[in-house]
Amino acid sequence: MAETLLEVKQLTNFIDGVWGETGGKTTAVINPATGETVVEVPLSSAESVNEAVAAAKKAQKEWALVPAPQRAEVLFRVGSLLKERKEKLSQLLTMENGKVIEEARGEVQEGIDMAFYMAGEGRRLFGQTTPSELNDKFAMSVRAPVGVVGIITPWNFPIAIATWKSFPAIVAGNAVVWKPATETPIMAYELAKIFEEAGLPKGVINVVFGSGSTVGNAMVEHDDIRVISFTGSNDTGRNIASKCGQQLKKVSLEMGGKNAVIVMDDADLDLAVEGILWSAFGTSGQRCTACSRVIVHEAVKERLEERLLVAMEGLTIGNGLDESIKVGPIINKAGIEKIKSYIEIGKNEGAKMLAGGYVMNEGQHAVGNYFAPTLFTDVTADMRIGQEEIFGPVVSLIPVKSFEEAIEVNNGVTYGLSSSIFTGDVNRVFKAQRDLDTGIVYVNAGTTGAEIHLPFGGTKGTGNGHRDSGVAALDVFTEWKAVYVDFSGKLQRAQIDVE
């Protein structure tokens, strides 16, 4: 099918409006459901980054002078093209990433929504006007573009996260150098083609394929890239933050999560099970917002376990292009090995495994990277499987005696991305949304399902305080400029000449 959807067998970089020559080192993009090669992708050098930055720097000067509403028109066209090609993009996404087709469609829809939303910001990009403390003086603040922006995106949401970062950067008047994950480069190729077709001037977006150690590092260290926006692992994020700090370079980090669904004794258990299943096993648990902990009141623990086990038996696992499949493969063999190691950790810690815990490699699962959805119970809050991000279809039930203990357990991890509570008590709801130490809180829903017009990001070890999506995303890609216009015809000194 890849041959009918992709017109190339090898991707090339997109720099200064030109698709590069084939040649040089490449690596295969593997369909995690079948083990088949979908396409070859370049392993570019630091020199390619230098070329992309030079093109972006030149283009940005002209792009910043284009009125923002006209910049927005490009995003409106991008949104229309994404909408027109939604099914094709969704199928390609499933082939390179493995997520089931309905999730892939949802992800492409996020990109569509983000295009139209950020295009609307082209007629806003609001600053502030304020009264001056002096006579005959006008004071205001405006947003100014930063310049050249570097974005580094992960494999688990290869188009959605890219749009969260590139669209606000572009509408604000910046130029972009983008390094997508080598596991999932096809969405970058397709999105760059759409930008080209939509009329984005050459050099405003540049795509450089390659490894994080070479391409990503060259971007981070380049003096002319003034912002790095990164989504990925905590270790890599810390390294990026350290290097950017030395250069006084702005950096936005969105990293891991150890997200919990709290199920109270008055919860609708059937609804809670639906929320847990979707949050824990959607994208095979390979989401930064995935539910990997269920904090359950001891009064309903056994009933919740029973219902979860029944529901898990109904999960269909396989190639996500099959509409009947609910759980797809793990991205690669390294991901499988990491999950296996945490299964052993959980067993050794004394947790009780109720379901799953094994690699699926027989029958229709003989090819591809499949891991059985796994449920641990009697997990304590201090166990490693209750503290560390696993990034797979593994969920741990942690029993608690009270609402207060549930909040304490939820907050007792190094991450702070997403949390959820199932309860019918409105007083608990308002206490929970106040006291849960996460950037996102859901009530009577799972831990996934962010909408693009609200800020996305977390507290503590999840990031460094910036947000993707929503108006807050513009703060990453703009600088505030204060402007004072004195029309008094004389020198007026702030604070000094105030009577």
Protein backbone atom coordinates (compact mmCIF):
# COMPACT_ATOMS: atom_id res chain seq x y z
CA MET A 1 0.00 0.00 0.00
CA ALA A 2 2.91 2.35 0.69
CA GLU A 3 3.73 2.39 -3.02
CA THR A 4 0.26 3.68 -3.86
CA LEU A 5 0.27 6.39 -1.19
CA LEU A 6 3.93 7.50 -1.34
CA GLU A 7 5.36 8.50 -4.70
CA VAL A 8 8.98 8.18 -3.52
CA LYS A 9 11.07 5.35 -2.12
CA GLN A 10 13.57 7.69 -0.45
CA LEU A 11 12.83 10.95 1.30
CA THR A 12 15.05 14.00 0.92
CA ASN A 13 15.58 17.16 2.93
CA PHE A 14 13.54 20.25 2.11
CA ILE A 15 15.80 23.30 2.35
CA ASP A 16 15.15 26.77 0.91
CA GLY A 17 12.19 25.48 -1.06
CA VAL A 18 14.22 22.73 -2.75
CA TRP A 19 13.94 18.97 -2.29
CA GLY A 20 17.50 17.68 -1.93
CA GLU A 21 19.37 15.16 -4.00
CA THR A 22 19.18 11.49 -3.06
CA GLY A 23 22.39 9.88 -1.88
CA GLY A 24 24.39 9.66 1.31
CA LYS A 25 23.58 7.64 4.38
CA THR A 26 19.99 6.54 4.94
CA THR A 27 18.03 4.37 7.33
CA ALA A 28 14.86 2.37 6.79
CA VAL A 29 11.49 3.46 8.13
CA ILE A 30 9.89 0.25 9.39
CA ASN A 31 6.17 -0.38 9.65
CA PRO A 32 5.91 -1.62 13.27
CA ALA A 33 2.85 -3.70 12.43
CA THR A 34 4.48 -5.72 9.65
CA GLY A 35 8.24 -5.26 9.89
CA GLU A 36 8.29 -4.08 6.27
CA THR A 37 10.30 -1.09 5.03
CA VAL A 38 8.01 1.79 4.11
CA VAL A 39 10.62 4.27 2.85
CA GLU A 40 14.27 5.26 3.28
CA VAL A 41 15.09 8.46 5.16
CA PRO A 42 18.37 10.44 5.11
CA LEU A 43 20.77 10.56 8.04
CA SER A 44 21.86 14.13 7.39
CA SER A 45 25.02 15.88 8.54
CA ALA A 46 25.47 19.06 10.54
CA GLU A 47 26.22 20.81 7.25
CA SER A 48 22.62 20.27 6.17
CA VAL A 49 21.53 22.07 9.36
CA ASN A 50 23.83 24.98 8.52
CA GLU A 51 22.27 25.22 5.05
CA ALA A 52 18.76 25.12 6.47
CA VAL A 53 19.49 27.79 9.07
CA ALA A 54 21.06 30.08 6.48
CA ALA A 55 17.97 29.72 4.28
CA ALA A 56 15.63 30.30 7.24
CA LYS A 57 17.56 33.37 8.41
CA LYS A 58 17.34 34.96 4.98
CA ALA A 59 13.67 34.09 4.48
CA GLN A 60 12.60 35.22 7.94
CA LYS A 61 13.54 38.85 7.33
CA GLU A 62 11.09 39.07 4.44
CA TRP A 63 8.44 36.88 6.06
CA ALA A 64 8.32 39.06 9.18
CA LEU A 65 7.42 42.06 6.98
CA VAL A 66 4.39 40.28 5.52
CA PRO A 67 1.29 41.47 7.42
CA ALA A 68 0.18 38.84 9.90
CA PRO A 69 -3.30 38.43 8.34
CA GLN A 70 -1.57 37.57 5.04
CA ARG A 71 0.72 35.10 6.81
CA ALA A 72 -2.44 33.57 8.23
CA GLU A 73 -3.90 33.03 4.76
CA VAL A 74 -1.17 30.46 4.13
CA LEU A 75 -2.26 28.54 7.22
CA PHE A 76 -5.88 28.64 6.09
CA ARG A 77 -4.78 27.03 2.82
CA VAL A 78 -2.68 24.49 4.74
CA GLY A 79 -5.72 23.57 6.83
CA SER A 80 -7.85 23.09 3.72
CA LEU A 81 -5.22 20.84 2.11
CA LEU A 82 -4.86 18.79 5.30
CA LYS A 83 -8.64 18.36 5.37
CA GLU A 84 -8.70 17.35 1.71
CA ARG A 85 -5.98 14.72 2.24
CA LYS A 86 -7.01 13.54 5.68
CA GLU A 87 -7.57 9.89 4.78
CA LYS A 88 -4.33 9.52 2.82
CA LEU A 89 -2.32 11.14 5.61
CA SER A 90 -4.04 8.97 8.21
CA GLN A 91 -3.15 5.77 6.41
CA LEU A 92 0.48 6.86 5.96
CA LEU A 93 0.63 7.80 9.63
CA THR A 94 -0.61 4.36 10.66
CA MET A 95 1.97 2.69 8.41
CA GLU A 96 4.93 4.58 9.85
CA ASN A 97 3.75 4.84 13.46
CA GLY A 98 1.46 1.85 14.03
CA LYS A 99 -1.41 3.60 15.81
CA VAL A 100 -4.85 2.41 14.80
CA ILE A 101 -6.50 4.18 11.91
CA GLU A 102 -9.21 5.95 13.93
CA GLU A 103 -6.51 7.44 16.17
CA ALA A 104 -4.50 8.45 13.12
CA ARG A 105 -7.55 10.25 11.74
CA GLY A 106 -7.95 12.01 15.06
CA GLU A 107 -4.33 13.12 14.99
CA VAL A 108 -4.60 14.54 11.49
CA GLN A 109 -7.74 16.34 12.62
CA GLU A 110 -5.67 17.99 15.35
CA GLY A 111 -3.44 19.39 12.63
CA ILE A 112 -6.47 20.65 10.70
CA ASP A 113 -7.88 22.29 13.83
CA MET A 114 -4.53 23.85 14.68
CA ALA A 115 -4.17 25.32 11.19
CA PHE A 116 -7.50 27.11 11.33
CA TYR A 117 -7.05 28.16 14.95
CA MET A 118 -3.59 29.64 14.48
CA ALA A 119 -4.64 31.23 11.21
CA GLY A 120 -7.21 33.11 13.28
CA GLU A 121 -4.38 34.42 15.45
CA GLY A 122 -3.06 36.23 12.38
CA ARG A 123 -5.81 38.80 12.95
CA ARG A 124 -5.13 38.99 16.66
CA LEU A 125 -1.57 38.45 17.94
CA PHE A 126 -2.75 40.76 20.68
CA GLY A 127 -0.45 43.01 22.62
CA GLN A 128 -1.60 45.53 25.22
CA THR A 129 -2.25 49.25 25.34
CA THR A 130 -1.93 50.91 28.72
CA PRO A 131 -2.19 54.46 30.04
CA SER A 132 1.13 56.23 30.43
CA GLU A 133 2.01 57.89 33.71
CA LEU A 134 2.97 61.06 31.80
CA ASN A 135 0.95 63.57 29.80
CA ASP A 136 0.94 63.35 26.02
CA LYS A 137 2.54 59.92 25.94
CA PHE A 138 1.25 56.63 24.53
CA ALA A 139 2.33 53.20 25.82
CA MET A 140 1.81 49.75 24.37
CA SER A 141 3.34 46.31 24.04
CA VAL A 142 3.48 44.20 20.88
CA ARG A 143 4.61 40.71 19.95
CA ALA A 144 7.73 40.48 17.78
CA PRO A 145 9.02 37.32 16.08
CA VAL A 146 12.12 35.74 17.57
CA GLY A 147 13.75 34.89 14.24
CA VAL A 148 14.80 31.34 13.38
CA VAL A 149 13.06 28.61 15.35
CA GLY A 150 14.22 25.01 15.71
CA ILE A 151 11.59 22.34 16.38
CA ILE A 152 12.37 18.74 17.30
CA THR A 153 9.36 16.44 17.25
CA PRO A 154 8.74 12.84 18.45
CA TRP A 155 7.53 9.72 16.70
CA ASN A 156 4.35 9.14 18.70
CA PHE A 157 2.42 12.15 17.32
CA PRO A 158 4.35 12.95 14.16
CA ILE A 159 1.93 15.46 12.65
CA ALA A 160 -0.08 16.84 15.58
CA ILE A 161 2.90 17.98 17.64
CA ALA A 162 4.61 19.36 14.55
CA THR A 163 1.58 21.57 13.87
CA TRP A 164 1.41 22.67 17.53
CA LYS A 165 4.92 24.05 17.10
CA SER A 166 5.29 25.14 13.48
CA PHE A 167 1.94 26.89 12.97
CA PRO A 168 2.26 29.45 15.80
CA ALA A 169 5.92 30.01 14.90
CA ILE A 170 5.05 30.74 11.28
CA VAL A 171 2.02 32.96 11.87
CA ALA A 172 4.09 35.02 14.33
CA GLY A 173 6.64 35.79 11.59
CA ASN A 174 9.41 33.29 12.29
CA ALA A 175 11.14 30.81 10.00
CA VAL A 176 11.44 27.17 11.01
CA VAL A 177 14.06 24.42 10.87
CA TRP A 178 12.39 21.13 11.70
CA LYS A 179 13.92 17.79 12.68
CA PRO A 180 11.27 15.06 12.78
CA ALA A 181 11.86 11.69 14.41
CA THR A 182 13.66 9.25 12.12
CA GLU A 183 11.06 6.56 12.94
CA THR A 184 8.22 8.68 11.52
CA PRO A 185 9.47 11.11 8.83
CA ILE A 186 6.65 10.67 6.32
CA MET A 187 4.34 13.16 8.00
CA ALA A 188 7.11 15.78 7.80
CA TYR A 189 7.55 15.08 4.10
CA GLU A 190 3.80 15.36 3.47
CA LEU A 191 3.37 18.50 5.57
CA ALA A 192 6.31 20.23 3.86
CA LYS A 193 4.71 19.46 0.48
CA ILE A 194 1.46 20.97 1.72
CA PHE A 195 3.25 24.12 2.90
CA GLU A 196 4.88 24.36 -0.52
CA GLU A 197 1.54 23.97 -2.30
CA ALA A 198 -0.12 26.50 0.02
CA GLY A 199 2.34 29.17 -1.08
CA LEU A 200 4.62 29.50 1.92
CA PRO A 201 7.71 31.38 0.68
CA LYS A 202 10.82 29.26 0.26
CA GLY A 203 13.02 29.03 3.33
CA VAL A 204 10.25 29.77 5.83
CA ILE A 205 10.06 26.08 6.67
CA ASN A 206 12.97 23.69 6.22
CA VAL A 207 12.99 19.97 7.03
CA VAL A 208 16.23 18.20 7.90
CA PHE A 209 16.03 14.46 8.49
CA GLY A 210 18.54 12.71 10.72
CA SER A 211 19.52 11.60 14.18
CA GLY A 212 19.18 13.59 17.35
CA SER A 213 22.86 13.23 18.12
CA THR A 214 23.86 14.83 14.80
CA VAL A 215 21.02 16.95 13.41
CA GLY A 216 19.33 17.75 16.73
CA ASN A 217 22.58 18.62 18.42
CA ALA A 218 23.65 20.87 15.53
CA MET A 219 20.35 22.73 15.81
CA VAL A 220 20.68 23.20 19.55
CA GLU A 221 24.21 24.52 19.22
CA HIS A 222 23.61 26.81 16.23
CA ASP A 223 23.93 30.47 17.21
CA ASP A 224 21.33 31.65 14.69
CA ILE A 225 18.56 29.41 16.04
CA ARG A 226 17.12 31.46 18.90
CA VAL A 227 14.37 29.09 20.06
CA ILE A 228 14.35 25.32 20.46
CA SER A 229 10.96 23.66 20.95
CA PHE A 230 11.37 20.01 21.89
CA THR A 231 9.04 17.14 22.73
CA GLY A 232 10.66 13.89 23.82
CA SER A 233 12.47 12.16 26.65
CA ASN A 234 13.49 13.78 29.90
CA ASP A 235 17.15 12.91 29.53
CA THR A 236 17.35 14.54 26.10
CA GLY A 237 15.30 17.51 27.29
CA ARG A 238 17.64 18.17 30.20
CA ASN A 239 20.62 18.04 27.88
CA ILE A 240 18.98 20.50 25.48
CA ALA A 241 18.03 22.84 28.32
CA SER A 242 21.59 22.84 29.61
CA LYS A 243 23.08 23.74 26.25
CA CYS A 244 20.44 26.37 25.50
CA GLY A 245 21.02 27.91 28.92
CA GLN A 246 24.68 28.40 28.14
CA GLN A 247 23.70 30.28 24.98
CA LEU A 248 20.88 32.27 26.62
CA LYS A 249 18.62 30.65 24.05
CA LYS A 250 14.91 30.26 24.68
CA VAL A 251 13.85 26.61 25.05
CA SER A 252 10.43 24.99 25.36
CA LEU A 253 10.34 21.43 26.67
CA GLU A 254 7.44 18.97 26.77
CA MET A 255 8.58 15.65 28.15
CA GLY A 256 7.29 12.70 30.14
CA GLY A 257 4.31 11.86 32.27
CA LYS A 258 3.19 9.33 34.88
CA ASN A 259 -0.47 10.09 34.63
CA ALA A 260 -3.16 8.78 36.94
CA VAL A 261 -6.88 8.16 36.80
CA ILE A 262 -8.43 8.48 40.26
CA VAL A 263 -11.54 6.32 40.78
CA MET A 264 -13.48 7.28 43.90
CA ASP A 265 -15.99 5.13 45.78
CA ASP A 266 -18.95 6.98 44.21
CA ALA A 267 -17.64 6.75 40.63
CA ASP A 268 -19.57 5.40 37.66
CA LEU A 269 -17.38 2.30 37.29
CA ASP A 270 -18.45 1.46 33.74
CA LEU A 271 -17.54 4.98 32.62
CA ALA A 272 -14.27 4.77 34.54
CA VAL A 273 -13.37 1.51 32.80
CA GLU A 274 -13.98 3.11 29.39
CA GLY A 275 -11.79 6.06 30.34
CA ILE A 276 -9.00 3.84 31.67
CA LEU A 277 -9.01 1.56 28.60
CA TRP A 278 -8.82 4.47 26.17
CA SER A 279 -6.15 6.31 28.16
CA ALA A 280 -3.98 3.30 29.02
CA PHE A 281 -4.07 1.31 25.79
CA GLY A 282 -4.76 3.89 23.08
CA THR A 283 -1.60 4.37 20.97
CA SER A 284 -0.49 1.21 22.82
CA GLY A 285 0.25 3.36 25.86
CA GLN A 286 2.85 5.34 23.89
CA ARG A 287 1.54 8.77 24.84
CA CYS A 288 2.98 11.29 27.24
CA THR A 289 -0.60 11.61 28.56
CA ALA A 290 -1.22 7.86 28.81
CA CYS A 291 -2.81 6.56 32.01
CA SER A 292 -0.24 4.26 33.60
CA ARG A 293 -1.65 4.49 37.14
CA VAL A 294 -5.18 3.94 38.42
CA ILE A 295 -5.58 5.25 41.95
CA VAL A 296 -8.68 3.47 43.18
CA HIS A 297 -10.61 3.74 46.44
CA GLU A 298 -10.35 0.42 48.28
CA ALA A 299 -14.15 0.20 48.58
CA VAL A 300 -14.50 -0.31 44.80
CA LYS A 301 -11.10 -1.83 43.96
CA GLU A 302 -12.28 -5.42 43.41
CA ARG A 303 -15.28 -4.41 41.34
CA LEU A 304 -13.12 -2.14 39.16
CA GLU A 305 -10.56 -4.93 38.65
CA GLU A 306 -13.26 -7.36 37.55
CA ARG A 307 -14.73 -4.94 35.03
CA LEU A 308 -11.32 -3.93 33.70
CA LEU A 309 -10.31 -7.55 33.11
CA VAL A 310 -13.52 -8.25 31.20
CA ALA A 311 -13.07 -5.12 29.09
CA MET A 312 -9.42 -5.93 28.36
CA GLU A 313 -10.40 -9.35 27.03
CA GLY A 314 -12.36 -7.57 24.32
CA LEU A 315 -9.40 -5.56 23.03
CA THR A 316 -8.38 -6.49 19.50
CA ILE A 317 -4.66 -6.19 18.80
CA GLY A 318 -3.01 -6.02 15.39
CA ASN A 319 -2.34 -3.93 12.29
CA GLY A 320 -3.97 -0.55 12.78
CA LEU A 321 -5.10 -0.31 9.17
CA ASP A 322 -7.76 -2.90 10.03
CA GLU A 323 -10.79 -0.91 11.22
CA SER A 324 -11.64 -3.59 13.81
CA ILE A 325 -8.31 -3.27 15.65
CA LYS A 326 -8.25 -1.27 18.90
CA VAL A 327 -4.58 -1.62 19.95
CA GLY A 328 -1.67 -1.40 17.54
CA PRO A 329 2.02 -2.33 17.78
CA ILE A 330 4.91 -0.89 19.76
CA ILE A 331 7.09 1.45 17.69
CA ASN A 332 10.22 -0.75 17.61
CA LYS A 333 12.13 -3.61 19.25
CA ALA A 334 13.81 -1.26 21.72
CA GLY A 335 10.38 -0.23 22.96
CA ILE A 336 9.43 -3.87 23.44
CA GLU A 337 12.59 -4.54 25.46
CA LYS A 338 11.94 -1.56 27.73
CA ILE A 339 8.40 -2.73 28.46
CA LYS A 340 9.61 -6.27 29.17
CA SER A 341 12.15 -4.93 31.66
CA TYR A 342 9.41 -3.09 33.58
CA ILE A 343 7.27 -6.22 33.70
CA GLU A 344 10.10 -7.96 35.53
CA ILE A 345 10.61 -4.93 37.78
CA GLY A 346 6.93 -5.00 38.74
CA LYS A 347 7.00 -8.71 39.53
CA ASN A 348 10.16 -8.36 41.59
CA GLU A 349 8.65 -5.47 43.54
CA GLY A 350 5.75 -7.68 44.60
CA ALA A 351 2.99 -6.30 42.39
CA LYS A 352 0.36 -8.81 41.30
CA MET A 353 -0.07 -9.18 37.52
CA LEU A 354 -3.67 -9.86 36.53
CA ALA A 355 -3.36 -9.81 32.74
CA GLY A 356 -0.84 -9.53 29.91
CA GLY A 357 2.86 -9.09 30.56
CA TYR A 358 4.17 -10.85 27.46
CA VAL A 359 5.32 -10.25 23.89
CA MET A 360 2.74 -11.35 21.31
CA ASN A 361 4.63 -13.22 18.58
CA GLU A 362 2.39 -16.01 17.37
CA GLY A 363 -0.12 -16.27 14.53
CA GLN A 364 -1.03 -12.88 13.10
CA HIS A 365 1.41 -11.30 15.56
CA ALA A 366 4.42 -13.30 14.32
CA VAL A 367 5.59 -10.19 12.44
CA GLY A 368 5.61 -6.73 13.95
CA ASN A 369 6.10 -5.48 17.51
CA TYR A 370 3.16 -6.46 19.70
CA PHE A 371 2.86 -6.48 23.48
CA ALA A 372 -0.19 -7.70 25.38
CA PRO A 373 -2.08 -5.05 27.35
CA THR A 374 -1.01 -5.52 30.95
CA LEU A 375 -2.67 -4.91 34.31
CA PHE A 376 -0.90 -4.93 37.67
CA THR A 377 -2.72 -4.63 40.98
CA ASP A 378 -1.73 -4.14 44.61
CA VAL A 379 0.91 -1.66 43.49
CA THR A 380 2.22 0.74 46.13
CA ALA A 381 2.90 4.36 45.33
CA ASP A 382 6.65 4.00 45.85
CA MET A 383 7.18 1.07 43.46
CA ARG A 384 9.15 1.85 40.32
CA ILE A 385 6.23 0.77 38.12
CA GLY A 386 4.17 3.35 40.00
CA GLN A 387 6.80 6.08 39.63
CA GLU A 388 8.59 5.71 36.28
CA GLU A 389 7.32 6.22 32.76
CA ILE A 390 7.07 2.89 30.91
CA PHE A 391 5.66 4.12 27.56
CA GLY A 392 3.71 1.00 26.78
CA PRO A 393 0.36 -0.72 27.43
CA VAL A 394 0.96 -1.26 31.14
CA VAL A 395 -1.28 0.08 33.90
CA SER A 396 -0.91 -0.25 37.68
CA LEU A 397 -3.77 -0.20 40.22
CA ILE A 398 -2.87 1.57 43.45
CA PRO A 399 -5.48 1.22 46.25
CA VAL A 400 -6.11 4.15 48.61
CA LYS A 401 -8.36 4.73 51.62
CA SER A 402 -9.53 8.31 50.98
CA PHE A 403 -9.81 11.22 48.57
CA GLU A 404 -6.98 12.99 50.36
CA GLU A 405 -4.68 9.99 49.97
CA ALA A 406 -5.57 9.77 46.27
CA ILE A 407 -4.48 13.37 45.72
CA GLU A 408 -1.26 12.74 47.64
CA VAL A 409 -0.44 9.63 45.59
CA ASN A 410 -1.22 11.40 42.33
CA ASN A 411 1.14 14.24 43.20
CA GLY A 412 3.87 11.96 44.54
CA VAL A 413 5.74 11.50 41.25
CA THR A 414 8.35 13.61 39.48
CA TYR A 415 6.00 14.33 36.55
CA GLY A 416 2.97 16.58 36.32
CA LEU A 417 1.33 16.36 32.90
CA SER A 418 -2.21 14.97 33.12
CA SER A 419 -4.58 13.63 35.77
CA SER A 420 -8.18 12.50 35.96
CA ILE A 421 -10.82 11.88 38.60
CA PHE A 422 -14.06 9.90 38.37
CA THR A 423 -16.54 11.00 41.02
CA GLY A 424 -20.10 12.25 41.36
CA ASP A 425 -19.26 14.64 44.21
CA VAL A 426 -19.06 18.23 42.96
CA ASN A 427 -17.11 19.29 46.05
CA ARG A 428 -14.45 16.67 45.33
CA VAL A 429 -14.34 17.84 41.72
CA PHE A 430 -13.46 21.39 42.66
CA LYS A 431 -10.96 20.33 45.28
CA ALA A 432 -9.33 17.97 42.78
CA GLN A 433 -8.96 20.54 40.01
CA ARG A 434 -7.38 22.85 42.59
CA ASP A 435 -5.07 20.32 44.28
CA LEU A 436 -3.96 17.98 41.48
CA ASP A 437 -0.45 19.11 40.56
CA THR A 438 -0.69 18.64 36.80
CA GLY A 439 -0.96 20.93 33.81
CA ILE A 440 -4.12 19.14 32.62
CA VAL A 441 -7.01 17.87 34.76
CA TYR A 442 -9.95 15.80 33.50
CA VAL A 443 -13.18 15.11 35.37
CA ASN A 444 -15.11 11.91 34.55
CA ALA A 445 -12.88 11.36 31.52
CA GLY A 446 -9.51 9.71 30.91
CA THR A 447 -6.11 11.39 30.90
CA THR A 448 -6.02 11.96 27.14
CA GLY A 449 -7.93 14.15 24.72
CA ALA A 450 -6.43 17.65 24.83
CA GLU A 451 -8.06 20.28 22.61
CA ILE A 452 -5.85 22.61 20.57
CA HIS A 453 -7.30 25.91 21.81
CA LEU A 454 -6.14 25.24 25.38
CA PRO A 455 -2.51 25.19 26.57
CA PHE A 456 -0.83 21.77 26.58
CA GLY A 457 1.98 20.98 29.00
CA GLY A 458 2.75 20.13 32.57
CA THR A 459 4.45 20.89 35.84
CA LYS A 460 7.57 19.56 37.57
CA GLY A 461 9.59 17.09 35.49
CA THR A 462 7.19 17.20 32.56
CA GLY A 463 8.62 20.42 31.15
CA ASN A 464 10.03 23.85 31.86
CA GLY A 465 6.86 25.90 32.14
CA HIS A 466 6.08 26.62 28.48
CA ARG A 467 3.02 25.30 26.68
CA ASP A 468 2.21 23.91 23.25
CA SER A 469 -1.09 24.86 21.57
CA GLY A 470 -3.56 27.55 22.58
CA VAL A 471 -2.64 31.23 22.71
CA ALA A 472 0.10 30.29 25.18
CA ALA A 473 2.06 28.70 22.31
CA LEU A 474 2.67 32.17 20.88
CA ASP A 475 4.70 33.06 23.98
CA VAL A 476 7.34 30.53 22.94
CA PHE A 477 7.79 32.01 19.49
CA THR A 478 7.52 35.73 20.19
CA GLU A 479 9.29 38.36 22.24
CA TRP A 480 7.44 41.14 24.01
CA LYS A 481 8.40 44.62 22.85
CA ALA A 482 7.34 47.71 24.82
CA VAL A 483 6.76 50.83 22.73
CA TYR A 484 6.52 54.39 24.11
CA VAL A 485 5.41 57.30 21.91
CA ASP A 486 5.94 60.74 23.44
CA PHE A 487 4.02 63.46 21.56
CA SER A 488 4.57 66.22 24.11
CA GLY A 489 7.39 67.82 22.13
CA LYS A 490 9.69 67.79 25.13
CA LEU A 491 11.81 65.31 27.05
CA GLN A 492 9.80 63.58 29.75
CA ARG A 493 11.57 61.30 32.15
CA ALA A 494 9.57 58.38 33.49
CA GLN A 495 9.17 58.33 37.27
CA ILE A 496 11.23 61.53 37.63
CA ASP A 497 8.91 64.00 35.91
CA VAL A 498 5.70 62.61 37.35
CA GLU A 499 4.06 65.22 39.54
